[in-house]
Protein backbone atom coordinates (compact mmCIF):
# COMPACT_ATOMS: atom_id res chain seq x y z
CA UNK A 1 0.00 0.06 -0.04
CA UNK A 2 1.51 3.51 -1.02
CA UNK A 3 -0.25 6.77 0.00
CA UNK A 4 -3.29 7.63 1.86
CA UNK A 5 -6.62 5.89 1.93
CA UNK A 6 -9.35 8.23 3.57
CA UNK A 7 -12.30 6.28 4.71
CA UNK A 8 -15.00 5.55 7.19
CA UNK A 9 -16.14 2.81 9.50
CA UNK A 10 -14.20 -0.79 9.13
CA UNK A 11 -12.76 -2.48 6.18
CA UNK A 12 -12.84 -6.24 6.15
CA UNK A 13 -9.62 -8.29 5.78
CA UNK A 14 -9.99 -11.82 4.65
CA UNK A 15 -8.06 -14.78 5.39
CA UNK A 16 -4.38 -15.64 4.39
CA UNK A 17 -3.64 -11.52 3.47
CA UNK A 18 -1.03 -9.37 3.98
CA UNK A 19 -1.44 -5.71 4.23
CA UNK A 20 2.20 -4.11 3.88
CA UNK A 21 2.62 -0.18 3.83
CA UNK A 22 5.30 1.37 1.66
CA UNK A 23 6.92 4.81 3.49
CA UNK A 24 4.38 7.22 4.48
CA UNK A 25 1.55 4.69 4.02
CA UNK A 26 -1.73 5.94 6.18
CA UNK A 27 -5.11 4.53 6.86
CA UNK A 28 -7.24 7.62 7.93
CA UNK A 29 -10.47 7.67 9.10
CA UNK A 30 -11.33 3.98 9.25
CA UNK A 31 -9.92 0.72 10.38
CA UNK A 32 -9.48 -2.72 9.48
CA UNK A 33 -11.94 -5.70 10.68
CA UNK A 34 -10.45 -9.29 10.60
CA UNK A 35 -13.78 -11.06 11.62
CA UNK A 36 -13.23 -15.03 11.85
CA UNK A 37 -10.11 -14.86 9.63
CA UNK A 38 -6.59 -16.47 10.09
CA UNK A 39 -3.04 -15.96 8.58
CA UNK A 40 -3.20 -12.10 8.35
CA UNK A 41 -0.34 -9.59 8.64
CA UNK A 42 -0.59 -5.99 8.91
CA UNK A 43 2.53 -4.27 8.72
CA UNK A 44 4.27 -0.72 8.45
CA UNK A 45 0.97 1.30 8.31
CA UNK A 46 -0.02 4.83 9.99
CA UNK A 47 -3.60 4.80 11.60
CA UNK A 48 -4.94 8.25 12.63
CA UNK A 49 -8.25 9.96 13.32
CA UNK A 50 -10.00 6.20 12.69
CA UNK A 51 -13.97 6.54 14.08
CA UNK A 52 -14.41 2.84 15.38
CA UNK A 53 -11.13 0.74 16.18
CA UNK A 54 -8.05 1.02 13.97
CA UNK A 55 -7.44 -2.85 13.97
CA UNK A 56 -10.25 -5.22 15.08
CA UNK A 57 -9.63 -8.89 15.64
CA UNK A 58 -12.68 -10.66 16.44
CA UNK A 59 -15.15 -13.83 16.20
CA UNK A 60 -12.04 -16.58 16.59
CA UNK A 61 -9.78 -15.37 14.03
CA UNK A 62 -6.32 -16.92 14.59
CA UNK A 63 -2.95 -16.69 13.46
CA UNK A 64 -2.68 -12.70 13.29
CA UNK A 65 0.53 -10.76 13.55
CA UNK A 66 0.01 -6.71 13.81
CA UNK A 67 3.82 -5.41 13.65
CA UNK A 68 5.56 -2.05 13.18
CA UNK A 69 2.68 0.32 12.71
CA UNK A 70 1.66 3.68 14.22
CA UNK A 71 -1.45 4.58 15.90
CA UNK A 72 -2.96 8.06 16.94
CA UNK A 73 -5.83 10.40 17.40
CA UNK A 74 -8.23 7.40 17.21
CA UNK A 75 -12.01 7.20 18.78
CA UNK A 76 -11.64 3.67 20.13
CA UNK A 77 -9.28 1.09 20.29
CA UNK A 78 -5.56 1.29 18.55
CA UNK A 79 -5.70 -2.97 18.43
CA UNK A 80 -8.61 -4.77 20.02
CA UNK A 81 -8.80 -8.54 20.14
CA UNK A 82 -11.81 -10.33 21.21
CA UNK A 83 -14.68 -12.56 21.05
CA UNK A 84 -12.82 -15.90 21.27
CA UNK A 85 -9.55 -15.17 18.84
CA UNK A 86 -6.18 -16.45 19.53
CA UNK A 87 -2.66 -16.82 18.74
CA UNK A 88 -2.18 -13.12 17.96
CA UNK A 89 1.09 -10.99 18.33
CA UNK A 90 1.33 -7.45 18.76
CA UNK A 91 4.68 -6.21 18.22
CA UNK A 92 7.11 -3.07 17.59
CA UNK A 93 4.07 -0.60 17.01
CA UNK A 94 3.83 2.80 18.48
CA UNK A 95 0.59 4.63 20.19
CA UNK A 96 0.63 8.12 20.73
CA UNK A 97 -2.11 11.11 21.30
CA UNK A 98 -4.60 8.29 21.83
CA UNK A 99 -6.71 7.27 25.08
CA UNK A 100 -8.00 3.46 24.81
CA UNK A 101 -5.12 1.72 23.35
CA UNK A 102 -5.53 -2.14 23.43
CA UNK A 103 -8.66 -4.26 24.86
CA UNK A 104 -8.42 -7.76 24.92
CA UNK A 105 -11.59 -9.46 25.80
CA UNK A 106 -14.67 -6.85 25.14
CA UNK A 107 -17.04 -8.01 28.04
CA UNK A 108 -17.20 -9.60 31.63
CA UNK A 109 -20.05 -11.87 29.77
CA UNK A 110 -18.03 -13.27 27.11
CA UNK A 111 -16.48 -16.18 29.05
CA UNK A 112 -18.09 -19.14 26.96
CA UNK A 113 -16.24 -17.96 24.27
CA UNK A 114 -13.54 -16.71 25.40
CA UNK A 115 -11.72 -18.61 27.99
CA UNK A 116 -8.87 -21.07 26.51
CA UNK A 117 -8.68 -18.28 23.75
CA UNK A 118 -7.40 -14.91 23.76
CA UNK A 119 -3.69 -15.94 23.65
CA UNK A 120 -2.08 -13.17 22.67
CA UNK A 121 1.96 -11.56 23.15
CA UNK A 122 2.67 -7.95 23.11
CA UNK A 123 6.36 -7.02 22.63
CA UNK A 124 8.37 -3.81 21.67
CA UNK A 125 5.70 -1.62 21.47
CA UNK A 126 6.14 1.91 22.51
CA UNK A 127 3.17 3.11 24.70
CA UNK A 128 4.09 6.76 24.18
CA UNK A 129 1.73 8.44 26.63
CA UNK A 130 -1.28 6.31 25.63
CA UNK A 131 -3.53 6.61 28.62
CA UNK A 132 -4.95 3.19 29.14
CA UNK A 133 -5.50 -0.33 28.21
CA UNK A 134 -1.85 -0.81 27.54
CA UNK A 135 -3.61 -3.60 27.49
CA UNK A 136 -6.50 -4.42 29.45
CA UNK A 137 -7.01 -8.21 29.60
CA UNK A 138 -9.92 -10.69 30.49
CA UNK A 139 -9.94 -14.19 30.24
CA UNK A 140 -6.79 -14.96 28.49
CA UNK A 141 -3.90 -16.95 29.74
CA UNK A 142 -1.15 -16.81 29.04
CA UNK A 143 -1.08 -13.35 27.73
CA UNK A 144 2.66 -12.50 27.61
CA UNK A 145 3.45 -8.29 27.67
CA UNK A 146 7.18 -8.13 27.59
CA UNK A 147 9.90 -5.48 26.58
CA UNK A 148 7.77 -2.72 25.61
CA UNK A 149 8.51 0.94 26.43
CA UNK A 150 5.86 2.72 28.47
CA UNK A 151 6.26 6.72 28.76
CA UNK A 152 3.91 8.91 30.82
CA UNK A 153 0.92 6.56 30.55
CA UNK A 154 -2.17 8.94 32.46
CA UNK A 155 -4.19 6.12 33.61
CA UNK A 156 -2.38 2.95 33.77
CA UNK A 157 -0.21 0.44 32.05
CA UNK A 158 -1.49 -3.27 32.15
CA UNK A 159 -4.69 -4.40 33.71
CA UNK A 160 -5.45 -8.10 34.25
CA UNK A 161 -8.97 -8.80 34.87
CA UNK A 162 -11.74 -11.93 34.87
CA UNK A 163 -9.44 -14.55 35.71
CA UNK A 164 -6.67 -13.66 32.97
CA UNK A 165 -3.31 -14.81 33.17
CA UNK A 166 -0.79 -11.81 32.32
CA UNK A 167 2.94 -12.03 32.77
CA UNK A 168 4.67 -8.21 32.59
CA UNK A 169 8.28 -9.06 31.97
CA UNK A 170 11.26 -7.21 30.92
CA UNK A 171 9.39 -3.95 30.51
CA UNK A 172 10.68 -0.25 30.80
CA UNK A 173 8.31 2.38 32.79
CA UNK A 174 8.86 5.72 32.98
CA UNK A 175 6.98 8.28 34.57
CA UNK A 176 3.79 5.94 35.14
CA UNK A 177 1.86 6.22 38.33
CA UNK A 178 0.37 2.95 37.89
CA UNK A 179 1.93 0.41 36.06
CA UNK A 180 0.03 -2.42 36.26
CA UNK A 181 -2.68 -3.46 38.18
CA UNK A 182 -5.63 -6.56 39.18
CA UNK A 183 -9.01 -5.73 38.25
CA UNK A 184 -10.24 -2.60 36.44
CA UNK A 185 -13.85 -0.82 36.75
CA UNK A 186 -16.37 -3.47 37.50
CA UNK A 187 -13.99 -6.44 36.52
CA UNK A 188 -12.71 -8.50 38.91
CA UNK A 189 -9.27 -9.41 39.10
CA UNK A 190 -6.87 -11.66 36.98
CA UNK A 191 -3.74 -12.87 37.80
CA UNK A 192 -0.74 -10.96 36.98
CA UNK A 193 2.88 -11.80 37.27
CA UNK A 194 5.62 -9.35 37.20
CA UNK A 195 9.19 -10.23 36.79
CA UNK A 196 12.53 -8.39 35.64
CA UNK A 197 10.83 -4.92 34.64
CA UNK A 198 12.60 -1.70 35.05
CA UNK A 199 11.15 1.30 36.69
CA UNK A 200 12.06 5.08 36.56
CA UNK A 201 10.20 7.56 38.44
CA UNK A 202 7.50 4.87 38.50
CA UNK A 203 6.49 2.55 41.39
CA UNK A 204 6.10 -0.98 41.21
CA UNK A 205 2.51 -2.58 40.23
CA UNK A 206 0.13 -4.74 41.88
CA UNK A 207 0.83 -8.67 41.50
CA UNK A 208 -0.79 -11.89 42.50
CA UNK A 209 -1.68 -15.55 41.26
CA UNK A 210 -0.14 -17.61 38.80
CA UNK A 211 -0.06 -17.48 34.80
CA UNK A 212 0.10 -20.56 32.28
CA UNK A 213 3.20 -21.58 30.99
CA UNK A 214 4.78 -19.30 27.79
CA UNK A 215 4.37 -21.91 25.03
CA UNK A 216 7.22 -20.83 22.77
CA UNK A 217 10.99 -19.86 23.46
CA UNK A 218 11.98 -16.19 23.02
CA UNK A 219 15.06 -14.26 23.48
CA UNK A 220 14.25 -11.13 26.62
CA UNK A 221 16.13 -8.15 26.07
CA UNK A 222 17.75 -6.19 29.39
CA UNK A 223 14.81 -4.52 31.13
CA UNK A 224 17.16 -1.49 31.34
CA UNK A 225 17.98 -1.50 27.53
CA UNK A 226 14.50 -1.55 26.28
CA UNK A 227 13.46 2.36 26.02
CA UNK A 228 16.43 2.63 23.52
CA UNK A 229 15.97 -0.44 21.63
CA UNK A 230 12.07 0.36 21.24
CA UNK A 231 12.54 4.08 20.43
CA UNK A 232 14.69 3.09 17.79
CA UNK A 233 12.82 0.69 16.28
CA UNK A 234 9.15 0.73 16.75
CA UNK A 235 6.43 2.33 14.78
CA UNK A 236 5.73 2.79 10.93
CA UNK A 237 8.71 3.92 8.73
CA UNK A 238 11.12 1.60 10.70
CA UNK A 239 11.65 -1.30 8.68
CA UNK A 240 12.48 -1.49 4.87
CA UNK A 241 9.84 -3.05 2.65
């Protein structure tokens, strides 16, 4: 994709598709809907001013990779994953000038569809002043939040609710009053395990419970190096296509 697509609402993305942006490629005013589909990659796009969600992954969508995108000034979620979707990776994205960032599990009443699913990895994302839901999690276990850079998030970083299991690992929190906690709004607490995080002018967060084992091997960056690594590499325009 090249240039700017201006639109409204949500555009459907079908299975076995890759949407790859050339330098400066932008989707303005609308978002992408992955609805029950599988094997979808979305990379190197700028999303701004969307009027619903920027990327919505729902209805048992599986094997989804959302990588090296930038999100700003939208209405609702930047990347929301819900309704039984599974095996999603959200990596190397930047979110700025935005409130509700990444919701995982849309409703407290959707356990029958969501339990055993909503297994998502969030890594090397730059939550650049994004206010809340970085992410906010229901039911998913394990959910792996690692090597992300959190800067001046006014609401909170990570929330684990509704019996979710979230591992918060190797992240860098700077000027974040509430890096992570259990429970949010009317949603009861989930489990949250935190380890090897780095804090600058930020307290440690609330932990408790246990999380299922991470089902893949991975190389964890040293948390104190995450700020420089992520700010150098996250967001659209940082990869060659």
